[in-house]
Amino acid sequence: MTKSRLEAFSDGVLAIVITIMVLEMKIPHGSALQDLKPLLPIFISYVISFAFIAVYWGNHHHLLHSAHRVNSRIIWSNMLLLFFLSLIPFSSGWMGENHFEKVPVALYAFNLLLCAIAYYLLQNAILMDLPESNLLVQALKKQKKKGILSVSVYLLAIPIAFFSPIISSILFVGISVIWIIPDRNIEKALRENQNQF
């Protein structure tokens, strides 16, 4: 399998995930602005989840570009990531429908934790396949610190959701902010690797 095929498949899955999430917002029966008010928690949940999927898509794109080839470890790590990302419409929809109540927020944070672990495993699968002298190895190792921070914050957000769903939500939204801009070290290493050939 080529990297482009793996990337195309992943892009297709993420596009479907986003489409499923938007379908959670049912059209209200009424033409007044107040008829939209019950949809507000669902819309906020959709915006948060859309941002997460967008962040994963951008970083996934950079991560796959750092791979030299695709092996079975990378394929299955990628499938695990896509599996957990495909659960986001469910956990996001439940959180929005229940107005960010404790248990749905905890489940959503747990879903995000599983996504972060799967991304970390994919990153390690790619790292294992790169020669130690490659510039990308150092860039990916620097990014691993953000991965460990993400997992730690999601682990914290789960129990916090039972006491304060708002603080839990702030924690996992904060993690998405640190991932918004894909790692410039990876971009730089990719450019330098291309210049060597």
C-alpha atoms as a PDB file:
ATOM      1  CA  MET A   1       0.000   0.000   0.000  1.00  0.00           C
ATOM      2  CA  THR A   2       1.234   3.486  -0.785  1.00  0.00           C
ATOM      3  CA  LYS A   3       1.155   6.483   1.536  1.00  0.00           C
ATOM      4  CA  SER A   4      -1.182   8.298  -0.846  1.00  0.00           C
ATOM      5  CA  ARG A   5      -3.719   5.461  -0.659  1.00  0.00           C
ATOM      6  CA  LEU A   6      -3.589   5.425   3.149  1.00  0.00           C
ATOM      7  CA  GLU A   7      -3.939   9.197   3.247  1.00  0.00           C
ATOM      8  CA  ALA A   8      -6.861   9.191   0.772  1.00  0.00           C
ATOM      9  CA  PHE A   9      -8.693   6.538   2.803  1.00  0.00           C
ATOM     10  CA  SER A  10      -8.100   8.487   6.035  1.00  0.00           C
ATOM     11  CA  ASP A  11      -9.302  11.735   4.426  1.00  0.00           C
ATOM     12  CA  GLY A  12     -12.477   9.983   3.279  1.00  0.00           C
ATOM     13  CA  VAL A  13     -13.206   8.597   6.760  1.00  0.00           C
ATOM     14  CA  LEU A  14     -12.679  12.007   8.393  1.00  0.00           C
ATOM     15  CA  ALA A  15     -14.935  13.687   5.806  1.00  0.00           C
ATOM     16  CA  ILE A  16     -17.685  11.179   6.633  1.00  0.00           C
ATOM     17  CA  VAL A  17     -17.185  11.755  10.390  1.00  0.00           C
ATOM     18  CA  ILE A  18     -17.701  15.511   9.925  1.00  0.00           C
ATOM     19  CA  THR A  19     -20.779  14.890   7.756  1.00  0.00           C
ATOM     20  CA  ILE A  20     -22.319  12.597  10.377  1.00  0.00           C
ATOM     21  CA  MET A  21     -21.727  15.220  13.095  1.00  0.00           C
ATOM     22  CA  VAL A  22     -23.544  17.969  11.217  1.00  0.00           C
ATOM     23  CA  LEU A  23     -26.535  15.662  10.701  1.00  0.00           C
ATOM     24  CA  GLU A  24     -26.973  15.610  14.505  1.00  0.00           C
ATOM     25  CA  MET A  25     -28.355  19.169  14.248  1.00  0.00           C
ATOM     26  CA  LYS A  26     -31.999  18.587  13.431  1.00  0.00           C
ATOM     27  CA  ILE A  27     -33.889  21.366  11.679  1.00  0.00           C
ATOM     28  CA  PRO A  28     -36.320  22.984  14.157  1.00  0.00           C
ATOM     29  CA  HIS A  29     -40.074  23.092  13.552  1.00  0.00           C
ATOM     30  CA  GLY A  30     -40.574  26.833  13.551  1.00  0.00           C
ATOM     31  CA  SER A  31     -39.341  29.960  11.831  1.00  0.00           C
ATOM     32  CA  ALA A  32     -38.477  32.157  14.841  1.00  0.00           C
ATOM     33  CA  LEU A  33     -34.964  32.669  16.146  1.00  0.00           C
ATOM     34  CA  GLN A  34     -35.996  31.260  19.536  1.00  0.00           C
ATOM     35  CA  ASP A  35     -36.676  27.940  17.800  1.00  0.00           C
ATOM     36  CA  LEU A  36     -32.894  27.661  17.326  1.00  0.00           C
ATOM     37  CA  LYS A  37     -32.158  28.025  21.061  1.00  0.00           C
ATOM     38  CA  PRO A  38     -32.558  24.299  21.903  1.00  0.00           C
ATOM     39  CA  LEU A  39     -29.920  23.562  19.246  1.00  0.00           C
ATOM     40  CA  LEU A  40     -27.270  25.753  20.891  1.00  0.00           C
ATOM     41  CA  PRO A  41     -25.629  22.995  23.030  1.00  0.00           C
ATOM     42  CA  ILE A  42     -25.596  20.663  20.015  1.00  0.00           C
ATOM     43  CA  PHE A  43     -24.074  23.418  17.867  1.00  0.00           C
ATOM     44  CA  ILE A  44     -21.372  24.156  20.476  1.00  0.00           C
ATOM     45  CA  SER A  45     -20.600  20.444  20.698  1.00  0.00           C
ATOM     46  CA  TYR A  46     -20.391  20.314  16.891  1.00  0.00           C
ATOM     47  CA  VAL A  47     -17.997  23.295  16.743  1.00  0.00           C
ATOM     48  CA  ILE A  48     -15.711  21.740  19.383  1.00  0.00           C
ATOM     49  CA  SER A  49     -15.733  18.372  17.621  1.00  0.00           C
ATOM     50  CA  PHE A  50     -15.257  19.895  14.170  1.00  0.00           C
ATOM     51  CA  ALA A  51     -12.186  21.704  15.521  1.00  0.00           C
ATOM     52  CA  PHE A  52     -10.830  18.435  16.947  1.00  0.00           C
ATOM     53  CA  ILE A  53     -11.317  16.588  13.660  1.00  0.00           C
ATOM     54  CA  ALA A  54      -9.700  19.489  11.752  1.00  0.00           C
ATOM     55  CA  VAL A  55      -6.715  19.486  14.127  1.00  0.00           C
ATOM     56  CA  TYR A  56      -6.309  15.716  13.801  1.00  0.00           C
ATOM     57  CA  TRP A  57      -6.619  15.943  10.013  1.00  0.00           C
ATOM     58  CA  GLY A  58      -3.889  18.606   9.739  1.00  0.00           C
ATOM     59  CA  ASN A  59      -1.482  16.843  12.094  1.00  0.00           C
ATOM     60  CA  HIS A  60      -2.249  13.434  10.563  1.00  0.00           C
ATOM     61  CA  HIS A  61      -1.388  14.872   7.142  1.00  0.00           C
ATOM     62  CA  HIS A  62       2.014  16.053   8.405  1.00  0.00           C
ATOM     63  CA  LEU A  63       2.612  12.814  10.285  1.00  0.00           C
ATOM     64  CA  LEU A  64       1.977  10.628   7.222  1.00  0.00           C
ATOM     65  CA  HIS A  65       4.306  12.790   5.148  1.00  0.00           C
ATOM     66  CA  SER A  66       7.085  11.938   7.575  1.00  0.00           C
ATOM     67  CA  ALA A  67       6.693   8.200   6.849  1.00  0.00           C
ATOM     68  CA  HIS A  68       9.003   6.787   4.176  1.00  0.00           C
ATOM     69  CA  ARG A  69       6.821   3.788   3.501  1.00  0.00           C
ATOM     70  CA  VAL A  70       3.695   2.104   4.811  1.00  0.00           C
ATOM     71  CA  ASN A  71       3.927  -1.180   6.695  1.00  0.00           C
ATOM     72  CA  SER A  72       1.311  -3.244   8.524  1.00  0.00           C
ATOM     73  CA  ARG A  73       2.128  -1.591  11.890  1.00  0.00           C
ATOM     74  CA  ILE A  74       1.425   1.853  10.400  1.00  0.00           C
ATOM     75  CA  ILE A  75      -1.747   0.636   8.644  1.00  0.00           C
ATOM     76  CA  TRP A  76      -3.245  -0.862  11.828  1.00  0.00           C
ATOM     77  CA  SER A  77      -2.187   2.054  14.027  1.00  0.00           C
ATOM     78  CA  ASN A  78      -3.879   4.363  11.532  1.00  0.00           C
ATOM     79  CA  MET A  79      -7.029   2.204  11.535  1.00  0.00           C
ATOM     80  CA  LEU A  80      -7.139   2.352  15.346  1.00  0.00           C
ATOM     81  CA  LEU A  81      -6.936   6.151  15.206  1.00  0.00           C
ATOM     82  CA  LEU A  82      -9.716   6.304  12.593  1.00  0.00           C
ATOM     83  CA  PHE A  83     -11.871   3.972  14.704  1.00  0.00           C
ATOM     84  CA  PHE A  84     -11.687   6.220  17.760  1.00  0.00           C
ATOM     85  CA  LEU A  85     -12.174   9.364  15.653  1.00  0.00           C
ATOM     86  CA  SER A  86     -15.270   7.770  14.099  1.00  0.00           C
ATOM     87  CA  LEU A  87     -16.809   7.556  17.611  1.00  0.00           C
ATOM     88  CA  ILE A  88     -16.658  11.340  18.034  1.00  0.00           C
ATOM     89  CA  PRO A  89     -20.071  11.956  16.365  1.00  0.00           C
ATOM     90  CA  PHE A  90     -21.668   9.688  18.975  1.00  0.00           C
ATOM     91  CA  SER A  91     -19.909  11.107  22.048  1.00  0.00           C
ATOM     92  CA  SER A  92     -20.236  14.664  20.736  1.00  0.00           C
ATOM     93  CA  GLY A  93     -23.934  14.223  19.940  1.00  0.00           C
ATOM     94  CA  TRP A  94     -24.656  12.738  23.368  1.00  0.00           C
ATOM     95  CA  MET A  95     -22.785  15.582  25.067  1.00  0.00           C
ATOM     96  CA  GLY A  96     -24.689  18.235  23.079  1.00  0.00           C
ATOM     97  CA  GLU A  97     -28.098  16.586  23.457  1.00  0.00           C
ATOM     98  CA  ASN A  98     -27.627  16.452  27.226  1.00  0.00           C
ATOM     99  CA  HIS A  99     -26.394  20.047  27.579  1.00  0.00           C
ATOM    100  CA  PHE A 100     -22.848  19.150  28.674  1.00  0.00           C
ATOM    101  CA  GLU A 101     -23.937  17.053  31.667  1.00  0.00           C
ATOM    102  CA  LYS A 102     -21.306  15.236  33.732  1.00  0.00           C
ATOM    103  CA  VAL A 103     -21.376  11.702  32.312  1.00  0.00           C
ATOM    104  CA  PRO A 104     -21.583  12.715  28.620  1.00  0.00           C
ATOM    105  CA  VAL A 105     -18.666  15.159  29.079  1.00  0.00           C
ATOM    106  CA  ALA A 106     -16.645  12.425  30.823  1.00  0.00           C
ATOM    107  CA  LEU A 107     -17.383  10.011  27.972  1.00  0.00           C
ATOM    108  CA  TYR A 108     -16.378  12.651  25.418  1.00  0.00           C
ATOM    109  CA  ALA A 109     -13.092  13.256  27.292  1.00  0.00           C
ATOM    110  CA  PHE A 110     -12.543   9.471  27.346  1.00  0.00           C
ATOM    111  CA  ASN A 111     -13.138   9.329  23.587  1.00  0.00           C
ATOM    112  CA  LEU A 112     -10.560  12.098  23.113  1.00  0.00           C
ATOM    113  CA  LEU A 113      -8.131  10.203  25.355  1.00  0.00           C
ATOM    114  CA  LEU A 114      -8.464   7.120  23.140  1.00  0.00           C
ATOM    115  CA  CYS A 115      -7.866   9.274  20.033  1.00  0.00           C
ATOM    116  CA  ALA A 116      -4.725  10.765  21.606  1.00  0.00           C
ATOM    117  CA  ILE A 117      -3.370   7.323  22.545  1.00  0.00           C
ATOM    118  CA  ALA A 118      -4.048   6.017  19.030  1.00  0.00           C
ATOM    119  CA  TYR A 119      -2.300   9.048  17.470  1.00  0.00           C
ATOM    120  CA  TYR A 120       0.672   8.445  19.785  1.00  0.00           C
ATOM    121  CA  LEU A 121       0.805   4.788  18.674  1.00  0.00           C
ATOM    122  CA  LEU A 122       0.701   5.825  15.002  1.00  0.00           C
ATOM    123  CA  GLN A 123       3.496   8.307  15.617  1.00  0.00           C
ATOM    124  CA  ASN A 124       5.586   5.579  17.288  1.00  0.00           C
ATOM    125  CA  ALA A 125       4.911   3.171  14.403  1.00  0.00           C
ATOM    126  CA  ILE A 126       6.234   5.768  11.960  1.00  0.00           C
ATOM    127  CA  LEU A 127       9.209   6.580  14.208  1.00  0.00           C
ATOM    128  CA  MET A 128      10.199   2.905  14.427  1.00  0.00           C
ATOM    129  CA  ASP A 129      10.461   2.774  10.642  1.00  0.00           C
ATOM    130  CA  LEU A 130      12.722   5.830  10.262  1.00  0.00           C
ATOM    131  CA  PRO A 131      16.519   5.610  10.377  1.00  0.00           C
ATOM    132  CA  GLU A 132      17.889   7.194  13.568  1.00  0.00           C
ATOM    133  CA  SER A 133      19.940   9.701  11.566  1.00  0.00           C
ATOM    134  CA  ASN A 134      16.864  11.087   9.816  1.00  0.00           C
ATOM    135  CA  LEU A 135      16.015  14.707  10.675  1.00  0.00           C
ATOM    136  CA  LEU A 136      12.356  13.724  11.074  1.00  0.00           C
ATOM    137  CA  VAL A 137      13.182  11.496  14.041  1.00  0.00           C
ATOM    138  CA  GLN A 138      14.169  14.500  16.158  1.00  0.00           C
ATOM    139  CA  ALA A 139      11.119  16.478  15.005  1.00  0.00           C
ATOM    140  CA  LEU A 140       8.759  13.606  15.859  1.00  0.00           C
ATOM    141  CA  LYS A 141      10.407  13.081  19.240  1.00  0.00           C
ATOM    142  CA  LYS A 142       9.795  16.755  20.079  1.00  0.00           C
ATOM    143  CA  GLN A 143       6.141  16.339  19.108  1.00  0.00           C
ATOM    144  CA  LYS A 144       5.817  13.331  21.425  1.00  0.00           C
ATOM    145  CA  LYS A 145       5.939  15.754  24.382  1.00  0.00           C
ATOM    146  CA  LYS A 146       2.677  17.327  23.184  1.00  0.00           C
ATOM    147  CA  GLY A 147       1.229  13.835  22.853  1.00  0.00           C
ATOM    148  CA  ILE A 148       2.125  12.939  26.426  1.00  0.00           C
ATOM    149  CA  LEU A 149       0.687  16.266  27.647  1.00  0.00           C
ATOM    150  CA  SER A 150      -2.550  15.577  25.718  1.00  0.00           C
ATOM    151  CA  VAL A 151      -2.974  12.112  27.217  1.00  0.00           C
ATOM    152  CA  SER A 152      -2.284  13.499  30.719  1.00  0.00           C
ATOM    153  CA  VAL A 153      -4.821  16.328  30.374  1.00  0.00           C
ATOM    154  CA  TYR A 154      -7.517  14.014  28.981  1.00  0.00           C
ATOM    155  CA  LEU A 155      -6.898  11.617  31.891  1.00  0.00           C
ATOM    156  CA  LEU A 156      -7.419  14.580  34.215  1.00  0.00           C
ATOM    157  CA  ALA A 157     -10.501  15.858  32.330  1.00  0.00           C
ATOM    158  CA  ILE A 158     -12.402  12.580  32.803  1.00  0.00           C
ATOM    159  CA  PRO A 159     -12.736  12.669  36.626  1.00  0.00           C
ATOM    160  CA  ILE A 160     -13.019  16.487  36.632  1.00  0.00           C
ATOM    161  CA  ALA A 161     -16.123  16.153  34.414  1.00  0.00           C
ATOM    162  CA  PHE A 162     -17.972  14.578  37.361  1.00  0.00           C
ATOM    163  CA  PHE A 163     -17.370  17.694  39.467  1.00  0.00           C
ATOM    164  CA  SER A 164     -17.267  20.443  36.846  1.00  0.00           C
ATOM    165  CA  PRO A 165     -18.124  19.674  33.221  1.00  0.00           C
ATOM    166  CA  ILE A 166     -17.185  23.259  32.301  1.00  0.00           C
ATOM    167  CA  ILE A 167     -13.607  22.932  33.620  1.00  0.00           C
ATOM    168  CA  SER A 168     -13.301  19.542  31.929  1.00  0.00           C
ATOM    169  CA  SER A 169     -14.449  21.094  28.632  1.00  0.00           C
ATOM    170  CA  ILE A 170     -11.975  23.965  29.021  1.00  0.00           C
ATOM    171  CA  LEU A 171      -9.178  21.418  29.528  1.00  0.00           C
ATOM    172  CA  PHE A 172      -9.875  19.437  26.386  1.00  0.00           C
ATOM    173  CA  VAL A 173     -10.505  22.557  24.291  1.00  0.00           C
ATOM    174  CA  GLY A 174      -7.175  23.904  25.588  1.00  0.00           C
ATOM    175  CA  ILE A 175      -5.404  20.800  24.292  1.00  0.00           C
ATOM    176  CA  SER A 176      -6.831  21.321  20.813  1.00  0.00           C
ATOM    177  CA  VAL A 177      -5.376  24.847  20.820  1.00  0.00           C
ATOM    178  CA  ILE A 178      -1.805  23.562  21.293  1.00  0.00           C
ATOM    179  CA  TRP A 179      -2.267  21.253  18.284  1.00  0.00           C
ATOM    180  CA  ILE A 180      -3.924  23.781  15.936  1.00  0.00           C
ATOM    181  CA  ILE A 181      -0.691  24.678  14.169  1.00  0.00           C
ATOM    182  CA  PRO A 182       0.997  21.507  12.886  1.00  0.00           C
ATOM    183  CA  ASP A 183       4.519  21.076  14.185  1.00  0.00           C
ATOM    184  CA  ARG A 184       6.911  23.398  12.339  1.00  0.00           C
ATOM    185  CA  ASN A 185       9.805  21.082  13.224  1.00  0.00           C
ATOM    186  CA  ILE A 186       8.244  18.391  11.014  1.00  0.00           C
ATOM    187  CA  GLU A 187       7.723  20.866   8.150  1.00  0.00           C
ATOM    188  CA  LYS A 188      11.340  22.038   8.461  1.00  0.00           C
ATOM    189  CA  ALA A 189      12.697  18.459   8.584  1.00  0.00           C
ATOM    190  CA  LEU A 190      10.616  17.491   5.531  1.00  0.00           C
ATOM    191  CA  ARG A 191      12.030  20.472   3.576  1.00  0.00           C
ATOM    192  CA  GLU A 192      15.593  19.694   4.618  1.00  0.00           C
ATOM    193  CA  ASN A 193      15.185  16.018   3.705  1.00  0.00           C
ATOM    194  CA  GLN A 194      13.921  17.017   0.247  1.00  0.00           C
ATOM    195  CA  ASN A 195      16.891  19.376  -0.227  1.00  0.00           C
ATOM    196  CA  GLN A 196      19.297  16.521   0.497  1.00  0.00           C
ATOM    197  CA  PHE A 197      18.128  14.622  -2.585  1.00  0.00           C
END
